[in-house]
Protein backbone atom coordinates (compact mmCIF):
# COMPACT_ATOMS: atom_id res chain seq x y z
CA MET A 1 59.35 46.73 -80.25
CA ARG A 2 59.93 47.39 -76.86
CA VAL A 3 57.60 45.97 -74.25
CA ARG A 4 57.14 47.94 -71.23
CA PRO A 5 57.80 46.09 -68.07
CA ALA A 6 54.60 47.41 -66.50
CA VAL A 7 52.51 45.79 -69.24
CA LEU A 8 54.14 42.43 -68.61
CA PHE A 9 54.12 42.87 -64.93
CA ALA A 10 50.42 43.81 -64.63
CA PRO A 11 48.99 40.43 -65.76
CA LEU A 12 51.51 38.63 -63.62
CA LEU A 13 50.52 40.76 -60.66
CA VAL A 14 46.83 39.93 -61.19
CA ILE A 15 47.62 36.22 -61.29
CA LEU A 16 49.72 36.42 -58.15
CA LEU A 17 47.23 38.51 -56.25
CA ALA A 18 44.38 36.22 -57.22
CA GLY A 19 45.90 33.47 -55.07
CA CYS A 20 46.05 35.79 -52.05
CA PHE A 21 42.32 36.36 -51.69
CA PRO A 22 39.98 33.49 -50.99
CA THR A 23 37.36 32.72 -53.50
CA PRO A 24 34.08 34.02 -52.16
CA GLU A 25 31.75 31.33 -50.98
CA PRO A 26 28.26 31.45 -52.29
CA ILE A 27 25.96 33.13 -49.83
CA ALA A 28 24.06 30.48 -48.00
CA THR A 29 20.49 31.04 -47.19
CA PRO A 30 19.89 30.61 -43.51
CA THR A 31 18.02 27.49 -42.54
CA ALA A 32 16.07 27.14 -39.37
CA SER A 33 18.01 25.04 -36.98
CA PRO A 34 15.87 22.71 -35.00
CA SER A 35 15.10 24.29 -31.70
CA PRO A 36 15.31 22.05 -28.71
CA SER A 37 11.90 20.55 -28.30
CA ALA A 38 10.36 20.48 -24.93
CA SER A 39 10.91 17.03 -23.56
CA VAL A 40 7.77 15.42 -22.39
CA THR A 41 8.22 13.44 -19.25
CA ALA A 42 5.46 11.24 -18.07
CA THR A 43 4.34 12.01 -14.58
CA PRO A 44 3.75 8.72 -12.85
CA THR A 45 0.17 8.17 -11.91
CA PRO A 46 -0.05 7.30 -8.23
CA THR A 47 -1.06 3.74 -7.58
CA PRO A 48 -4.41 3.76 -5.86
CA THR A 49 -4.46 2.24 -2.43
CA PRO A 50 -6.69 -0.78 -2.52
CA THR A 51 -9.66 -0.42 -0.28
CA ALA A 52 -12.06 -3.13 0.60
CA THR A 53 -15.39 -2.76 -1.09
CA PRO A 54 -18.21 -3.24 1.38
CA ASP A 55 -20.34 -6.29 0.73
CA PRO A 56 -23.91 -5.13 0.06
CA ALA A 57 -25.25 -8.22 1.84
CA ALA A 58 -23.12 -7.55 4.93
CA ILE A 59 -24.78 -7.21 8.31
CA PRO A 60 -23.52 -4.06 10.07
CA LEU A 61 -21.88 -4.57 13.45
CA ASP A 62 -22.02 -1.31 15.35
CA ILE A 63 -19.57 -1.68 18.22
CA ALA A 64 -16.71 0.54 19.35
CA CYS A 65 -13.23 -0.84 19.95
CA ASP A 66 -13.37 -0.10 23.68
CA ALA A 67 -16.64 -2.03 23.87
CA LEU A 68 -15.26 -4.95 21.84
CA ILE A 69 -12.36 -5.28 24.30
CA SER A 70 -12.70 -3.26 27.48
CA ALA A 71 -9.80 -1.22 28.82
CA GLN A 72 -9.79 -3.45 31.91
CA ALA A 73 -9.57 -6.63 29.81
CA PHE A 74 -6.59 -5.26 27.92
CA TYR A 75 -5.00 -4.04 31.14
CA ASP A 76 -5.41 -7.54 32.57
CA PHE A 77 -3.87 -8.97 29.39
CA ASN A 78 -0.93 -6.55 29.46
CA PRO A 79 -1.02 -3.07 31.02
CA ASN A 80 1.52 -1.78 28.53
CA TYR A 81 -0.91 -1.82 25.56
CA SER A 82 -3.01 1.13 24.47
CA LEU A 83 -5.74 1.49 21.87
CA LEU A 84 -4.91 3.44 18.71
CA ASN A 85 -7.62 5.94 17.86
CA ASN A 86 -7.16 5.82 14.09
CA PHE A 87 -6.46 2.49 12.48
CA THR A 88 -6.81 1.54 8.84
CA PRO A 89 -6.06 -2.14 8.28
CA ASP A 90 -3.81 -3.28 5.47
CA ALA A 91 -5.50 -4.81 2.44
CA GLY A 92 -5.74 -8.58 2.54
CA THR A 93 -5.79 -8.83 6.34
CA PRO A 94 -8.62 -10.27 8.45
CA ALA A 95 -9.18 -6.75 9.85
CA ALA A 96 -9.67 -5.34 6.32
CA ALA A 97 -12.11 -8.16 5.53
CA ALA A 98 -14.07 -7.34 8.71
CA VAL A 99 -14.29 -3.66 7.72
CA ALA A 100 -15.47 -4.65 4.22
CA ALA A 101 -18.19 -6.72 5.92
CA LYS A 102 -19.33 -3.57 7.79
CA GLY A 103 -17.66 -4.72 10.99
CA VAL A 104 -15.00 -3.21 13.20
CA ALA A 105 -11.19 -3.39 13.23
CA CYS A 106 -9.14 -2.20 16.19
CA ARG A 107 -5.42 -2.00 16.93
CA TRP A 108 -3.64 -1.90 20.26
CA VAL A 109 0.08 -1.15 20.44
CA ASN A 110 2.62 -2.06 23.08
CA GLN A 111 4.09 1.22 24.35
CA SER A 112 7.49 -0.36 25.01
CA SER A 113 8.06 -2.64 22.02
CA GLY A 114 5.70 -1.23 19.39
CA VAL A 115 4.24 -4.71 18.81
CA THR A 116 0.60 -4.55 17.71
CA ILE A 117 -2.49 -6.62 18.28
CA ASP A 118 -5.30 -6.30 15.75
CA ILE A 119 -8.76 -7.46 16.78
CA SER A 120 -11.70 -7.38 14.42
CA ALA A 121 -15.29 -8.53 14.39
CA ALA A 122 -18.01 -8.74 11.77
CA ARG A 123 -21.37 -10.36 11.20
CA LEU A 124 -21.30 -12.49 8.06
CA PRO A 125 -24.29 -13.59 5.98
CA GLU A 126 -24.44 -17.05 4.51
CA PRO A 127 -22.67 -18.39 2.47
CA LYS A 128 -19.83 -16.00 3.43
CA LEU A 129 -19.90 -17.24 7.04
CA SER A 130 -19.50 -20.89 5.98
CA GLN A 131 -16.74 -20.00 3.50
CA THR A 132 -14.84 -18.06 6.17
CA LYS A 133 -15.19 -20.93 8.68
CA ASP A 134 -14.00 -23.45 6.09
CA ALA A 135 -10.97 -21.29 5.25
CA ALA A 136 -10.11 -20.88 8.96
CA ALA A 137 -10.43 -24.63 9.53
CA ALA A 138 -8.28 -25.41 6.47
CA ALA A 139 -5.53 -22.96 7.48
CA GLY A 140 -5.57 -23.50 11.24
CA THR A 141 -5.91 -25.93 14.07
CA PRO A 142 -9.15 -26.24 16.08
CA VAL A 143 -8.81 -24.85 19.59
CA SER A 144 -10.67 -25.46 22.81
CA GLU A 145 -9.53 -22.34 24.70
CA PHE A 146 -12.22 -20.14 23.14
CA SER A 147 -15.83 -19.96 24.35
CA ALA A 148 -16.96 -20.53 20.74
CA GLU A 149 -15.79 -22.47 17.69
CA GLY A 150 -12.20 -21.39 17.05
CA TYR A 151 -9.06 -21.94 15.01
CA PHE A 152 -5.46 -20.83 15.34
CA SER A 153 -2.68 -20.51 12.77
CA SER A 154 0.66 -18.65 13.03
CA GLY A 155 -0.30 -15.58 15.04
CA THR A 156 -3.95 -15.53 13.93
CA ALA A 157 -6.83 -16.59 16.16
CA GLN A 158 -10.34 -16.84 14.71
CA ALA A 159 -13.61 -17.52 16.48
CA PHE A 160 -17.19 -17.97 15.27
CA THR A 161 -20.30 -17.43 17.37
CA GLY A 162 -23.69 -17.25 15.68
CA ASP A 163 -23.15 -15.12 12.59
CA ALA A 164 -20.16 -13.30 14.15
CA TRP A 165 -16.57 -13.75 13.04
CA ILE A 166 -13.86 -12.52 15.42
CA THR A 167 -10.13 -12.38 14.74
CA ALA A 168 -7.08 -11.50 16.78
CA VAL A 169 -3.74 -11.15 14.99
CA SER A 170 -0.32 -10.49 16.52
CA PRO A 171 3.22 -11.80 16.30
CA THR A 172 3.02 -12.20 20.09
CA PHE A 173 0.41 -14.96 19.71
CA LEU A 174 2.49 -18.12 19.61
CA GLY A 175 -0.51 -20.30 20.39
CA ALA A 176 -4.27 -20.03 20.86
CA SER A 177 -3.91 -19.66 24.63
CA ASP A 178 -2.00 -16.38 24.09
CA ALA A 179 -5.07 -14.85 22.43
CA ALA A 180 -7.79 -16.65 24.42
CA SER A 181 -8.61 -13.94 26.97
CA LEU A 182 -8.99 -11.30 24.26
CA ILE A 183 -10.98 -13.54 21.90
CA ASN A 184 -13.31 -14.60 24.73
CA GLU A 185 -13.85 -10.94 25.69
CA ALA A 186 -14.78 -10.11 22.08
CA ILE A 187 -17.08 -13.16 21.85
CA ALA A 188 -18.97 -11.92 24.91
CA ALA A 189 -19.15 -8.38 23.49
CA VAL A 190 -20.69 -9.36 20.14
CA GLY A 191 -22.90 -12.01 21.81
């Protein structure tokens, strides 16, 4: 029997050709790829500016800054200072406490150096008046340059007349005598 070469060659050809073609991969079913999620960023909440809450027992003091310290008195003190029309005192300052007590807070600024002088006045009910006097006495030194009971401590002058509390704060006040003319003017104004 004679075997035809094509018959022998055909199976060998199938085997050889089978190695030439890749085995088909099973068809994968598409899966949903995670889409990029929207990143949530927290928007910072602004920190509220602390404001002094008015004391309901406070006694209003209705006086303008130019009546508390006259333009002439400030000119005599130093002609280079001018009154700021809009002044909001920083929290924790004597001026902020005066505003919370329904008083007045004023700022003058030196036109050359930018140095400020803050003067405030308020009428305080008891026991707030006594507490404020005690704190001023504990923090400061009694002074005789004022026309009322007064104390001075590191740039802060405080005076008490009747139920009125008057403060003058500035880095230019190295001693009570530096603030005396302004404090005495304010004492006379609030009477």
